[in-house]
Amino acid sequence: MSSFCPSAIECFECNSRDPDPNIADKCKNSPSALMSMPQYYKNCSDASARCRKIQQEVDKDERTIRQCATTLNNVVGCFKRTGTYKIKMEYCECDADGCNSAPRISLSIATAFSLMMGVLLFYFV
């Protein structure tokens, strides 16, 4: 009897700080253009259930990082973090192949509904 093992998610993996300015620009502004370059569209490890996009700003120096991700939190979507020394970060996670190619990853209707129900249950139960 063979066991079924779902294939891992596929995500874009690149950094807008790539030494090749063509790759850096595509990573930041048009990652779907990287699809023709298989080294930037990867089959993630089995530990990765999601794709991630990080928008990072450190003292006005911006960087975009796209990668495979293990779960940071239980919510698919985006959340922001700020820190000292003018550091701002936005983490976006999604759970479909190539989903970290979007300029902004949005919550699915099901995720938004689940979040809304959780908040309502918290306040009214």
PDB file of N, CA and C in Angstrom:
ATOM      1  N   MET A   1       0.853  -1.169   0.000  1.00  0.00           N
ATOM      2  CA  MET A   1       0.000   0.000   0.000  1.00  0.00           C
ATOM      3  C   MET A   1       0.900   1.234   0.000  1.00  0.00           C
ATOM      4  N   SER A   2       0.679   2.131  -0.935  1.00  0.00           N
ATOM      5  CA  SER A   2       1.489   3.347  -0.981  1.00  0.00           C
ATOM      6  C   SER A   2       0.803   4.457  -0.205  1.00  0.00           C
ATOM      7  N   SER A   3       1.612   5.282   0.404  1.00  0.00           N
ATOM      8  CA  SER A   3       1.034   6.401   1.159  1.00  0.00           C
ATOM      9  C   SER A   3       1.052   7.644   0.288  1.00  0.00           C
ATOM     10  N   PHE A   4       0.015   8.421   0.411  1.00  0.00           N
ATOM     11  CA  PHE A   4      -0.088   9.651  -0.358  1.00  0.00           C
ATOM     12  C   PHE A   4       0.633  10.761   0.389  1.00  0.00           C
ATOM     13  N   CYS A   5       1.501  11.459  -0.308  1.00  0.00           N
ATOM     14  CA  CYS A   5       2.208  12.578   0.281  1.00  0.00           C
ATOM     15  C   CYS A   5       2.004  13.778  -0.633  1.00  0.00           C
ATOM     16  N   PRO A   6       1.277  14.802  -0.158  1.00  0.00           N
ATOM     17  CA  PRO A   6       1.035  15.943  -1.019  1.00  0.00           C
ATOM     18  C   PRO A   6       2.346  16.637  -1.379  1.00  0.00           C
ATOM     19  N   SER A   7       2.405  17.157  -2.581  1.00  0.00           N
ATOM     20  CA  SER A   7       3.624  17.853  -2.986  1.00  0.00           C
ATOM     21  C   SER A   7       3.727  19.164  -2.229  1.00  0.00           C
ATOM     22  N   ALA A   8       4.955  19.614  -2.065  1.00  0.00           N
ATOM     23  CA  ALA A   8       5.199  20.853  -1.337  1.00  0.00           C
ATOM     24  C   ALA A   8       4.704  22.046  -2.150  1.00  0.00           C
ATOM     25  N   ILE A   9       4.478  23.128  -1.462  1.00  0.00           N
ATOM     26  CA  ILE A   9       4.065  24.367  -2.111  1.00  0.00           C
ATOM     27  C   ILE A   9       5.227  24.930  -2.936  1.00  0.00           C
ATOM     28  N   GLU A  10       4.908  25.654  -3.987  1.00  0.00           N
ATOM     29  CA  GLU A  10       5.928  26.298  -4.817  1.00  0.00           C
ATOM     30  C   GLU A  10       5.830  27.803  -4.616  1.00  0.00           C
ATOM     31  N   CYS A  11       6.986  28.435  -4.375  1.00  0.00           N
ATOM     32  CA  CYS A  11       7.020  29.868  -4.080  1.00  0.00           C
ATOM     33  C   CYS A  11       8.153  30.547  -4.831  1.00  0.00           C
ATOM     34  N   PHE A  12       8.008  31.835  -4.999  1.00  0.00           N
ATOM     35  CA  PHE A  12       9.109  32.626  -5.516  1.00  0.00           C
ATOM     36  C   PHE A  12      10.111  32.834  -4.388  1.00  0.00           C
ATOM     37  N   GLU A  13      11.390  32.716  -4.711  1.00  0.00           N
ATOM     38  CA  GLU A  13      12.448  32.997  -3.747  1.00  0.00           C
ATOM     39  C   GLU A  13      13.436  33.952  -4.405  1.00  0.00           C
ATOM     40  N   CYS A  14      13.443  35.180  -3.909  1.00  0.00           N
ATOM     41  CA  CYS A  14      14.362  36.179  -4.439  1.00  0.00           C
ATOM     42  C   CYS A  14      14.484  37.309  -3.427  1.00  0.00           C
ATOM     43  N   ASN A  15      15.420  38.198  -3.698  1.00  0.00           N
ATOM     44  CA  ASN A  15      15.680  39.327  -2.822  1.00  0.00           C
ATOM     45  C   ASN A  15      15.956  40.528  -3.710  1.00  0.00           C
ATOM     46  N   SER A  16      15.334  41.645  -3.414  1.00  0.00           N
ATOM     47  CA  SER A  16      15.541  42.831  -4.238  1.00  0.00           C
ATOM     48  C   SER A  16      16.948  43.403  -4.069  1.00  0.00           C
ATOM     49  N   ARG A  17      17.744  42.782  -3.222  1.00  0.00           N
ATOM     50  CA  ARG A  17      19.154  43.148  -3.071  1.00  0.00           C
ATOM     51  C   ARG A  17      20.061  42.249  -3.902  1.00  0.00           C
ATOM     52  N   ASP A  18      19.476  41.528  -4.852  1.00  0.00           N
ATOM     53  CA  ASP A  18      20.269  40.671  -5.726  1.00  0.00           C
ATOM     54  C   ASP A  18      21.302  41.526  -6.463  1.00  0.00           C
ATOM     55  N   PRO A  19      22.535  41.036  -6.608  1.00  0.00           N
ATOM     56  CA  PRO A  19      23.560  41.823  -7.306  1.00  0.00           C
ATOM     57  C   PRO A  19      23.212  42.135  -8.765  1.00  0.00           C
ATOM     58  N   ASP A  20      22.381  41.301  -9.384  1.00  0.00           N
ATOM     59  CA  ASP A  20      21.943  41.553 -10.755  1.00  0.00           C
ATOM     60  C   ASP A  20      20.747  42.513 -10.696  1.00  0.00           C
ATOM     61  N   PRO A  21      20.906  43.756 -11.167  1.00  0.00           N
ATOM     62  CA  PRO A  21      19.814  44.729 -11.056  1.00  0.00           C
ATOM     63  C   PRO A  21      18.541  44.295 -11.773  1.00  0.00           C
ATOM     64  N   ASN A  22      18.641  43.489 -12.836  1.00  0.00           N
ATOM     65  CA  ASN A  22      17.473  42.990 -13.540  1.00  0.00           C
ATOM     66  C   ASN A  22      16.660  42.061 -12.631  1.00  0.00           C
ATOM     67  N   ILE A  23      17.342  41.174 -11.932  1.00  0.00           N
ATOM     68  CA  ILE A  23      16.667  40.258 -10.999  1.00  0.00           C
ATOM     69  C   ILE A  23      16.107  41.034  -9.820  1.00  0.00           C
ATOM     70  N   ALA A  24      16.889  41.960  -9.279  1.00  0.00           N
ATOM     71  CA  ALA A  24      16.437  42.761  -8.137  1.00  0.00           C
ATOM     72  C   ALA A  24      15.153  43.505  -8.463  1.00  0.00           C
ATOM     73  N   ASP A  25      15.082  44.112  -9.638  1.00  0.00           N
ATOM     74  CA  ASP A  25      13.890  44.852 -10.036  1.00  0.00           C
ATOM     75  C   ASP A  25      12.696  43.918 -10.218  1.00  0.00           C
ATOM     76  N   LYS A  26      12.925  42.765 -10.856  1.00  0.00           N
ATOM     77  CA  LYS A  26      11.837  41.806 -11.048  1.00  0.00           C
ATOM     78  C   LYS A  26      11.331  41.288  -9.697  1.00  0.00           C
ATOM     79  N   CYS A  27      12.230  41.056  -8.775  1.00  0.00           N
ATOM     80  CA  CYS A  27      11.822  40.565  -7.451  1.00  0.00           C
ATOM     81  C   CYS A  27      10.946  41.590  -6.748  1.00  0.00           C
ATOM     82  N   LYS A  28      11.326  42.855  -6.849  1.00  0.00           N
ATOM     83  CA  LYS A  28      10.581  43.904  -6.161  1.00  0.00           C
ATOM     84  C   LYS A  28       9.282  44.256  -6.866  1.00  0.00           C
ATOM     85  N   ASN A  29       9.323  44.386  -8.197  1.00  0.00           N
ATOM     86  CA  ASN A  29       8.193  44.956  -8.914  1.00  0.00           C
ATOM     87  C   ASN A  29       7.403  43.997  -9.797  1.00  0.00           C
ATOM     88  N   SER A  30       8.024  42.934 -10.262  1.00  0.00           N
ATOM     89  CA  SER A  30       7.342  42.047 -11.204  1.00  0.00           C
ATOM     90  C   SER A  30       7.826  40.605 -11.050  1.00  0.00           C
ATOM     91  N   PRO A  31       7.596  39.990  -9.898  1.00  0.00           N
ATOM     92  CA  PRO A  31       8.114  38.645  -9.690  1.00  0.00           C
ATOM     93  C   PRO A  31       7.541  37.602 -10.630  1.00  0.00           C
ATOM     94  N   SER A  32       6.353  37.830 -11.156  1.00  0.00           N
ATOM     95  CA  SER A  32       5.820  36.839 -12.085  1.00  0.00           C
ATOM     96  C   SER A  32       6.706  36.716 -13.316  1.00  0.00           C
ATOM     97  N   ALA A  33       7.497  37.758 -13.630  1.00  0.00           N
ATOM     98  CA  ALA A  33       8.451  37.682 -14.740  1.00  0.00           C
ATOM     99  C   ALA A  33       9.567  36.682 -14.437  1.00  0.00           C
ATOM    100  N   LEU A  34       9.766  36.374 -13.160  1.00  0.00           N
ATOM    101  CA  LEU A  34      10.783  35.391 -12.775  1.00  0.00           C
ATOM    102  C   LEU A  34      10.343  33.955 -13.072  1.00  0.00           C
ATOM    103  N   MET A  35       9.068  33.751 -13.396  1.00  0.00           N
ATOM    104  CA  MET A  35       8.541  32.413 -13.648  1.00  0.00           C
ATOM    105  C   MET A  35       9.328  31.704 -14.746  1.00  0.00           C
ATOM    106  N   SER A  36       9.839  32.465 -15.716  1.00  0.00           N
ATOM    107  CA  SER A  36      10.604  31.853 -16.797  1.00  0.00           C
ATOM    108  C   SER A  36      12.020  31.483 -16.364  1.00  0.00           C
ATOM    109  N   MET A  37      12.372  31.824 -15.136  1.00  0.00           N
ATOM    110  CA  MET A  37      13.693  31.511 -14.595  1.00  0.00           C
ATOM    111  C   MET A  37      13.495  30.567 -13.417  1.00  0.00           C
ATOM    112  N   PRO A  38      13.535  29.261 -13.645  1.00  0.00           N
ATOM    113  CA  PRO A  38      13.158  28.294 -12.611  1.00  0.00           C
ATOM    114  C   PRO A  38      13.962  28.393 -11.316  1.00  0.00           C
ATOM    115  N   GLN A  39      15.138  28.964 -11.351  1.00  0.00           N
ATOM    116  CA  GLN A  39      15.908  29.076 -10.112  1.00  0.00           C
ATOM    117  C   GLN A  39      15.247  30.036  -9.110  1.00  0.00           C
ATOM    118  N   TYR A  40      14.271  30.839  -9.542  1.00  0.00           N
ATOM    119  CA  TYR A  40      13.584  31.769  -8.643  1.00  0.00           C
ATOM    120  C   TYR A  40      12.172  31.318  -8.286  1.00  0.00           C
ATOM    121  N   TYR A  41      11.703  30.250  -8.898  1.00  0.00           N
ATOM    122  CA  TYR A  41      10.394  29.676  -8.568  1.00  0.00           C
ATOM    123  C   TYR A  41      10.666  28.266  -8.100  1.00  0.00           C
ATOM    124  N   LYS A  42      10.555  28.034  -6.802  1.00  0.00           N
ATOM    125  CA  LYS A  42      11.058  26.795  -6.218  1.00  0.00           C
ATOM    126  C   LYS A  42       9.986  25.942  -5.576  1.00  0.00           C
ATOM    127  N   ASN A  43      10.232  24.647  -5.611  1.00  0.00           N
ATOM    128  CA  ASN A  43       9.435  23.687  -4.881  1.00  0.00           C
ATOM    129  C   ASN A  43       9.987  23.685  -3.461  1.00  0.00           C
ATOM    130  N   CYS A  44       9.209  24.160  -2.525  1.00  0.00           N
ATOM    131  CA  CYS A  44       9.675  24.310  -1.146  1.00  0.00           C
ATOM    132  C   CYS A  44       9.802  22.958  -0.455  1.00  0.00           C
ATOM    133  N   SER A  45      10.446  22.955   0.686  1.00  0.00           N
ATOM    134  CA  SER A  45      10.563  21.729   1.469  1.00  0.00           C
ATOM    135  C   SER A  45       9.203  21.367   2.057  1.00  0.00           C
ATOM    136  N   ASP A  46       9.068  20.157   2.502  1.00  0.00           N
ATOM    137  CA  ASP A  46       7.806  19.715   3.097  1.00  0.00           C
ATOM    138  C   ASP A  46       7.461  20.489   4.367  1.00  0.00           C
ATOM    139  N   ALA A  47       8.461  21.094   5.019  1.00  0.00           N
ATOM    140  CA  ALA A  47       8.214  21.876   6.228  1.00  0.00           C
ATOM    141  C   ALA A  47       7.545  23.214   5.899  1.00  0.00           C
ATOM    142  N   SER A  48       7.622  23.618   4.657  1.00  0.00           N
ATOM    143  CA  SER A  48       7.038  24.897   4.246  1.00  0.00           C
ATOM    144  C   SER A  48       5.620  24.680   3.753  1.00  0.00           C
ATOM    145  N   ALA A  49       4.675  25.281   4.437  1.00  0.00           N
ATOM    146  CA  ALA A  49       3.279  25.164   4.041  1.00  0.00           C
ATOM    147  C   ALA A  49       2.781  26.437   3.383  1.00  0.00           C
ATOM    148  N   ARG A  50       3.627  27.468   3.379  1.00  0.00           N
ATOM    149  CA  ARG A  50       3.203  28.757   2.861  1.00  0.00           C
ATOM    150  C   ARG A  50       4.321  29.448   2.088  1.00  0.00           C
ATOM    151  N   CYS A  51       3.918  30.478   1.366  1.00  0.00           N
ATOM    152  CA  CYS A  51       4.861  31.384   0.730  1.00  0.00           C
ATOM    153  C   CYS A  51       4.821  32.686   1.537  1.00  0.00           C
ATOM    154  N   ARG A  52       5.913  33.414   1.498  1.00  0.00           N
ATOM    155  CA  ARG A  52       5.997  34.652   2.264  1.00  0.00           C
ATOM    156  C   ARG A  52       6.593  35.759   1.391  1.00  0.00           C
ATOM    157  N   LYS A  53       6.110  36.958   1.634  1.00  0.00           N
ATOM    158  CA  LYS A  53       6.695  38.158   1.049  1.00  0.00           C
ATOM    159  C   LYS A  53       6.956  39.111   2.209  1.00  0.00           C
ATOM    160  N   ILE A  54       8.169  39.630   2.270  1.00  0.00           N
ATOM    161  CA  ILE A  54       8.535  40.585   3.316  1.00  0.00           C
ATOM    162  C   ILE A  54       8.901  41.902   2.650  1.00  0.00           C
ATOM    163  N   GLN A  55       8.254  42.960   3.072  1.00  0.00           N
ATOM    164  CA  GLN A  55       8.613  44.319   2.672  1.00  0.00           C
ATOM    165  C   GLN A  55       9.330  44.912   3.881  1.00  0.00           C
ATOM    166  N   GLN A  56      10.550  45.311   3.688  1.00  0.00           N
ATOM    167  CA  GLN A  56      11.367  45.769   4.813  1.00  0.00           C
ATOM    168  C   GLN A  56      11.918  47.156   4.502  1.00  0.00           C
ATOM    169  N   GLU A  57      11.833  48.043   5.471  1.00  0.00           N
ATOM    170  CA  GLU A  57      12.412  49.373   5.323  1.00  0.00           C
ATOM    171  C   GLU A  57      13.256  49.663   6.559  1.00  0.00           C
ATOM    172  N   VAL A  58      14.526  49.958   6.324  1.00  0.00           N
ATOM    173  CA  VAL A  58      15.430  50.316   7.408  1.00  0.00           C
ATOM    174  C   VAL A  58      16.020  51.672   7.059  1.00  0.00           C
ATOM    175  N   ASP A  59      15.584  52.690   7.789  1.00  0.00           N
ATOM    176  CA  ASP A  59      16.062  54.054   7.564  1.00  0.00           C
ATOM    177  C   ASP A  59      15.975  54.435   6.084  1.00  0.00           C
ATOM    178  N   LYS A  60      14.799  54.265   5.500  1.00  0.00           N
ATOM    179  CA  LYS A  60      14.484  54.601   4.101  1.00  0.00           C
ATOM    180  C   LYS A  60      15.146  53.697   3.061  1.00  0.00           C
ATOM    181  N   ASP A  61      15.833  52.651   3.466  1.00  0.00           N
ATOM    182  CA  ASP A  61      16.397  51.667   2.545  1.00  0.00           C
ATOM    183  C   ASP A  61      15.397  50.517   2.463  1.00  0.00           C
ATOM    184  N   GLU A  62      14.786  50.330   1.282  1.00  0.00           N
ATOM    185  CA  GLU A  62      13.737  49.330   1.130  1.00  0.00           C
ATOM    186  C   GLU A  62      14.257  48.048   0.504  1.00  0.00           C
ATOM    187  N   ARG A  63      13.651  46.941   0.922  1.00  0.00           N
ATOM    188  CA  ARG A  63      14.011  45.630   0.396  1.00  0.00           C
ATOM    189  C   ARG A  63      12.752  44.766   0.338  1.00  0.00           C
ATOM    190  N   THR A  64      12.664  43.940  -0.711  1.00  0.00           N
ATOM    191  CA  THR A  64      11.586  42.969  -0.842  1.00  0.00           C
ATOM    192  C   THR A  64      12.213  41.583  -0.848  1.00  0.00           C
ATOM    193  N   ILE A  65      11.684  40.714  -0.011  1.00  0.00           N
ATOM    194  CA  ILE A  65      12.179  39.339   0.083  1.00  0.00           C
ATOM    195  C   ILE A  65      10.984  38.415  -0.137  1.00  0.00           C
ATOM    196  N   ARG A  66      11.140  37.478  -1.039  1.00  0.00           N
ATOM    197  CA  ARG A  66      10.105  36.471  -1.302  1.00  0.00           C
ATOM    198  C   ARG A  66      10.719  35.114  -0.999  1.00  0.00           C
ATOM    199  N   GLN A  67       9.972  34.258  -0.269  1.00  0.00           N
ATOM    200  CA  GLN A  67      10.554  32.995   0.163  1.00  0.00           C
ATOM    201  C   GLN A  67       9.496  31.971   0.545  1.00  0.00           C
ATOM    202  N   CYS A  68       9.958  30.723   0.671  1.00  0.00           N
ATOM    203  CA  CYS A  68       9.138  29.664   1.248  1.00  0.00           C
ATOM    204  C   CYS A  68       9.058  29.952   2.749  1.00  0.00           C
ATOM    205  N   ALA A  69       7.984  29.503   3.384  1.00  0.00           N
ATOM    206  CA  ALA A  69       7.830  29.836   4.802  1.00  0.00           C
ATOM    207  C   ALA A  69       7.183  28.712   5.584  1.00  0.00           C
ATOM    208  N   THR A  70       7.696  28.502   6.756  1.00  0.00           N
ATOM    209  CA  THR A  70       6.952  27.737   7.736  1.00  0.00           C
ATOM    210  C   THR A  70       6.030  28.753   8.398  1.00  0.00           C
ATOM    211  N   THR A  71       5.011  28.338   9.041  1.00  0.00           N
ATOM    212  CA  THR A  71       4.011  29.243   9.583  1.00  0.00           C
ATOM    213  C   THR A  71       4.578  30.105  10.697  1.00  0.00           C
ATOM    214  N   LEU A  72       4.435  31.433  10.550  1.00  0.00           N
ATOM    215  CA  LEU A  72       4.793  32.370  11.612  1.00  0.00           C
ATOM    216  C   LEU A  72       3.637  32.537  12.584  1.00  0.00           C
ATOM    217  N   ASN A  73       2.429  32.583  12.040  1.00  0.00           N
ATOM    218  CA  ASN A  73       1.238  32.736  12.864  1.00  0.00           C
ATOM    219  C   ASN A  73       0.121  31.915  12.223  1.00  0.00           C
ATOM    220  N   ASN A  74      -1.024  31.945  12.825  1.00  0.00           N
ATOM    221  CA  ASN A  74      -2.127  31.126  12.325  1.00  0.00           C
ATOM    222  C   ASN A  74      -2.960  31.821  11.261  1.00  0.00           C
ATOM    223  N   VAL A  75      -2.607  33.048  10.893  1.00  0.00           N
ATOM    224  CA  VAL A  75      -3.412  33.819   9.969  1.00  0.00           C
ATOM    225  C   VAL A  75      -2.711  33.931   8.621  1.00  0.00           C
ATOM    226  N   VAL A  76      -3.438  33.583   7.578  1.00  0.00           N
ATOM    227  CA  VAL A  76      -2.946  33.834   6.229  1.00  0.00           C
ATOM    228  C   VAL A  76      -3.292  35.290   5.933  1.00  0.00           C
ATOM    229  N   GLY A  77      -2.324  36.046   5.504  1.00  0.00           N
ATOM    230  CA  GLY A  77      -2.532  37.473   5.248  1.00  0.00           C
ATOM    231  C   GLY A  77      -1.302  38.245   5.658  1.00  0.00           C
ATOM    232  N   CYS A  78      -1.482  39.506   5.968  1.00  0.00           N
ATOM    233  CA  CYS A  78      -0.350  40.378   6.264  1.00  0.00           C
ATOM    234  C   CYS A  78      -0.411  40.926   7.686  1.00  0.00           C
ATOM    235  N   PHE A  79       0.748  41.155   8.240  1.00  0.00           N
ATOM    236  CA  PHE A  79       0.847  41.870   9.506  1.00  0.00           C
ATOM    237  C   PHE A  79       2.118  42.701   9.504  1.00  0.00           C
ATOM    238  N   LYS A  80       2.103  43.791  10.255  1.00  0.00           N
ATOM    239  CA  LYS A  80       3.220  44.728  10.267  1.00  0.00           C
ATOM    240  C   LYS A  80       3.944  44.692  11.603  1.00  0.00           C
ATOM    241  N   ARG A  81       5.237  44.988  11.521  1.00  0.00           N
ATOM    242  CA  ARG A  81       6.086  45.091  12.701  1.00  0.00           C
ATOM    243  C   ARG A  81       6.929  46.354  12.558  1.00  0.00           C
ATOM    244  N   THR A  82       7.150  47.043  13.643  1.00  0.00           N
ATOM    245  CA  THR A  82       8.065  48.176  13.648  1.00  0.00           C
ATOM    246  C   THR A  82       9.057  47.973  14.773  1.00  0.00           C
ATOM    247  N   GLY A  83      10.190  48.633  14.660  1.00  0.00           N
ATOM    248  CA  GLY A  83      11.224  48.493  15.676  1.00  0.00           C
ATOM    249  C   GLY A  83      12.002  49.780  15.826  1.00  0.00           C
ATOM    250  N   THR A  84      13.074  49.684  16.563  1.00  0.00           N
ATOM    251  CA  THR A  84      13.922  50.844  16.761  1.00  0.00           C
ATOM    252  C   THR A  84      14.746  51.112  15.515  1.00  0.00           C
ATOM    253  N   TYR A  85      15.385  52.224  15.474  1.00  0.00           N
ATOM    254  CA  TYR A  85      16.254  52.610  14.355  1.00  0.00           C
ATOM    255  C   TYR A  85      15.504  52.662  13.025  1.00  0.00           C
ATOM    256  N   LYS A  86      14.266  53.145  13.080  1.00  0.00           N
ATOM    257  CA  LYS A  86      13.468  53.353  11.869  1.00  0.00           C
ATOM    258  C   LYS A  86      13.297  52.075  11.050  1.00  0.00           C
ATOM    259  N   ILE A  87      12.984  50.980  11.712  1.00  0.00           N
ATOM    260  CA  ILE A  87      12.775  49.700  11.043  1.00  0.00           C
ATOM    261  C   ILE A  87      11.271  49.438  10.925  1.00  0.00           C
ATOM    262  N   LYS A  88      10.823  49.154   9.704  1.00  0.00           N
ATOM    263  CA  LYS A  88       9.433  48.783   9.453  1.00  0.00           C
ATOM    264  C   LYS A  88       9.445  47.521   8.610  1.00  0.00           C
ATOM    265  N   MET A  89       8.569  46.576   8.954  1.00  0.00           N
ATOM    266  CA  MET A  89       8.471  45.337   8.184  1.00  0.00           C
ATOM    267  C   MET A  89       7.010  44.964   8.035  1.00  0.00           C
ATOM    268  N   GLU A  90       6.692  44.439   6.868  1.00  0.00           N
ATOM    269  CA  GLU A  90       5.376  43.864   6.639  1.00  0.00           C
ATOM    270  C   GLU A  90       5.582  42.444   6.136  1.00  0.00           C
ATOM    271  N   TYR A  91       5.028  41.488   6.874  1.00  0.00           N
ATOM    272  CA  TYR A  91       5.101  40.074   6.501  1.00  0.00           C
ATOM    273  C   TYR A  91       3.753  39.684   5.925  1.00  0.00           C
ATOM    274  N   CYS A  92       3.769  39.071   4.759  1.00  0.00           N
ATOM    275  CA  CYS A  92       2.546  38.548   4.167  1.00  0.00           C
ATOM    276  C   CYS A  92       2.756  37.070   3.883  1.00  0.00           C
ATOM    277  N   GLU A  93       1.815  36.253   4.310  1.00  0.00           N
ATOM    278  CA  GLU A  93       1.884  34.814   4.068  1.00  0.00           C
ATOM    279  C   GLU A  93       0.633  34.371   3.326  1.00  0.00           C
ATOM    280  N   CYS A  94       0.834  33.404   2.432  1.00  0.00           N
ATOM    281  CA  CYS A  94      -0.273  32.861   1.658  1.00  0.00           C
ATOM    282  C   CYS A  94      -0.024  31.372   1.447  1.00  0.00           C
ATOM    283  N   ASP A  95      -1.042  30.658   1.025  1.00  0.00           N
ATOM    284  CA  ASP A  95      -0.912  29.201   0.978  1.00  0.00           C
ATOM    285  C   ASP A  95      -1.298  28.571  -0.358  1.00  0.00           C
ATOM    286  N   ALA A  96      -0.961  29.247  -1.452  1.00  0.00           N
ATOM    287  CA  ALA A  96      -1.188  28.697  -2.791  1.00  0.00           C
ATOM    288  C   ALA A  96       0.097  28.842  -3.605  1.00  0.00           C
ATOM    289  N   ASP A  97       0.307  27.943  -4.528  1.00  0.00           N
ATOM    290  CA  ASP A  97       1.518  28.003  -5.356  1.00  0.00           C
ATOM    291  C   ASP A  97       1.694  29.375  -5.996  1.00  0.00           C
ATOM    292  N   GLY A  98       2.884  29.947  -5.838  1.00  0.00           N
ATOM    293  CA  GLY A  98       3.225  31.221  -6.472  1.00  0.00           C
ATOM    294  C   GLY A  98       2.503  32.433  -5.940  1.00  0.00           C
ATOM    295  N   CYS A  99       1.808  32.288  -4.835  1.00  0.00           N
ATOM    296  CA  CYS A  99       0.983  33.394  -4.336  1.00  0.00           C
ATOM    297  C   CYS A  99       1.794  34.581  -3.825  1.00  0.00           C
ATOM    298  N   ASN A 100       3.084  34.395  -3.579  1.00  0.00           N
ATOM    299  CA  ASN A 100       3.884  35.528  -3.107  1.00  0.00           C
ATOM    300  C   ASN A 100       4.408  36.379  -4.257  1.00  0.00           C
ATOM    301  N   SER A 101       3.769  36.262  -5.411  1.00  0.00           N
ATOM    302  CA  SER A 101       4.144  37.090  -6.557  1.00  0.00           C
ATOM    303  C   SER A 101       3.364  38.394  -6.578  1.00  0.00           C
ATOM    304  N   ALA A 102       2.293  38.468  -5.825  1.00  0.00           N
ATOM    305  CA  ALA A 102       1.434  39.646  -5.867  1.00  0.00           C
ATOM    306  C   ALA A 102       2.103  40.856  -5.223  1.00  0.00           C
ATOM    307  N   PRO A 103       1.783  42.065  -5.733  1.00  0.00           N
ATOM    308  CA  PRO A 103       2.301  43.267  -5.093  1.00  0.00           C
ATOM    309  C   PRO A 103       1.842  43.354  -3.646  1.00  0.00           C
ATOM    310  N   ARG A 104       0.636  42.896  -3.362  1.00  0.00           N
ATOM    311  CA  ARG A 104       0.115  42.875  -1.999  1.00  0.00           C
ATOM    312  C   ARG A 104      -0.722  41.611  -1.880  1.00  0.00           C
ATOM    313  N   ILE A 105      -0.456  40.837  -0.875  1.00  0.00           N
ATOM    314  CA  ILE A 105      -1.202  39.600  -0.654  1.00  0.00           C
ATOM    315  C   ILE A 105      -2.410  39.945   0.205  1.00  0.00           C
ATOM    316  N   SER A 106      -3.592  39.613  -0.272  1.00  0.00           N
ATOM    317  CA  SER A 106      -4.793  39.950   0.480  1.00  0.00           C
ATOM    318  C   SER A 106      -5.384  38.711   1.134  1.00  0.00           C
ATOM    319  N   LEU A 107      -6.207  38.945   2.122  1.00  0.00           N
ATOM    320  CA  LEU A 107      -6.874  37.852   2.813  1.00  0.00           C
ATOM    321  C   LEU A 107      -7.939  37.245   1.921  1.00  0.00           C
ATOM    322  N   SER A 108      -8.078  35.957   1.987  1.00  0.00           N
ATOM    323  CA  SER A 108      -9.163  35.317   1.258  1.00  0.00           C
ATOM    324  C   SER A 108     -10.475  35.603   1.984  1.00  0.00           C
ATOM    325  N   ILE A 109     -11.579  35.444   1.305  1.00  0.00           N
ATOM    326  CA  ILE A 109     -12.886  35.665   1.922  1.00  0.00           C
ATOM    327  C   ILE A 109     -13.074  34.713   3.097  1.00  0.00           C
ATOM    328  N   ALA A 110     -12.661  33.476   2.943  1.00  0.00           N
ATOM    329  CA  ALA A 110     -12.810  32.501   4.032  1.00  0.00           C
ATOM    330  C   ALA A 110     -11.980  32.901   5.248  1.00  0.00           C
ATOM    331  N   THR A 111     -10.751  33.378   5.028  1.00  0.00           N
ATOM    332  CA  THR A 111      -9.904  33.794   6.141  1.00  0.00           C
ATOM    333  C   THR A 111     -10.498  35.016   6.824  1.00  0.00           C
ATOM    334  N   ALA A 112     -10.954  35.983   6.042  1.00  0.00           N
ATOM    335  CA  ALA A 112     -11.552  37.191   6.615  1.00  0.00           C
ATOM    336  C   ALA A 112     -12.799  36.830   7.433  1.00  0.00           C
ATOM    337  N   PHE A 113     -13.628  35.924   6.914  1.00  0.00           N
ATOM    338  CA  PHE A 113     -14.825  35.489   7.630  1.00  0.00           C
ATOM    339  C   PHE A 113     -14.445  34.799   8.945  1.00  0.00           C
ATOM    340  N   SER A 114     -13.434  33.934   8.895  1.00  0.00           N
ATOM    341  CA  SER A 114     -12.979  33.235  10.103  1.00  0.00           C
ATOM    342  C   SER A 114     -12.478  34.217  11.147  1.00  0.00           C
ATOM    343  N   LEU A 115     -11.730  35.212  10.719  1.00  0.00           N
ATOM    344  CA  LEU A 115     -11.238  36.226  11.658  1.00  0.00           C
ATOM    345  C   LEU A 115     -12.392  36.992  12.289  1.00  0.00           C
ATOM    346  N   MET A 116     -13.360  37.380  11.455  1.00  0.00           N
ATOM    347  CA  MET A 116     -14.511  38.123  11.953  1.00  0.00           C
ATOM    348  C   MET A 116     -15.296  37.285  12.957  1.00  0.00           C
ATOM    349  N   MET A 117     -15.507  36.024  12.665  1.00  0.00           N
ATOM    350  CA  MET A 117     -16.241  35.143  13.581  1.00  0.00           C
ATOM    351  C   MET A 117     -15.487  34.975  14.893  1.00  0.00           C
ATOM    352  N   GLY A 118     -14.170  34.848  14.805  1.00  0.00           N
ATOM    353  CA  GLY A 118     -13.359  34.717  16.023  1.00  0.00           C
ATOM    354  C   GLY A 118     -13.482  35.942  16.902  1.00  0.00           C
ATOM    355  N   VAL A 119     -13.455  37.111  16.316  1.00  0.00           N
ATOM    356  CA  VAL A 119     -13.595  38.360  17.093  1.00  0.00           C
ATOM    357  C   VAL A 119     -14.981  38.432  17.718  1.00  0.00           C
ATOM    358  N   LEU A 120     -16.008  38.122  16.936  1.00  0.00           N
ATOM    359  CA  LEU A 120     -17.378  38.151  17.481  1.00  0.00           C
ATOM    360  C   LEU A 120     -17.541  37.165  18.620  1.00  0.00           C
ATOM    361  N   LEU A 121     -17.020  35.957  18.471  1.00  0.00           N
ATOM    362  CA  LEU A 121     -17.123  34.967  19.548  1.00  0.00           C
ATOM    363  C   LEU A 121     -16.375  35.429  20.787  1.00  0.00           C
ATOM    364  N   PHE A 122     -15.242  36.054  20.600  1.00  0.00           N
ATOM    365  CA  PHE A 122     -14.452  36.542  21.736  1.00  0.00           C
ATOM    366  C   PHE A 122     -15.225  37.579  22.534  1.00  0.00           C
ATOM    367  N   TYR A 123     -15.896  38.501  21.845  1.00  0.00           N
ATOM    368  CA  TYR A 123     -16.593  39.579  22.534  1.00  0.00           C
ATOM    369  C   TYR A 123     -17.970  39.213  23.055  1.00  0.00           C
ATOM    370  N   PHE A 124     -18.635  38.255  22.429  1.00  0.00           N
ATOM    371  CA  PHE A 124     -20.013  37.964  22.800  1.00  0.00           C
ATOM    372  C   PHE A 124     -20.218  36.626  23.487  1.00  0.00           C
ATOM    373  N   VAL A 125     -19.175  35.886  23.732  1.00  0.00           N
ATOM    374  CA  VAL A 125     -19.336  34.595  24.418  1.00  0.00           C
ATOM    375  C   VAL A 125     -18.747  34.674  25.792  1.00  0.00           C
TER     376      VAL A 125
END
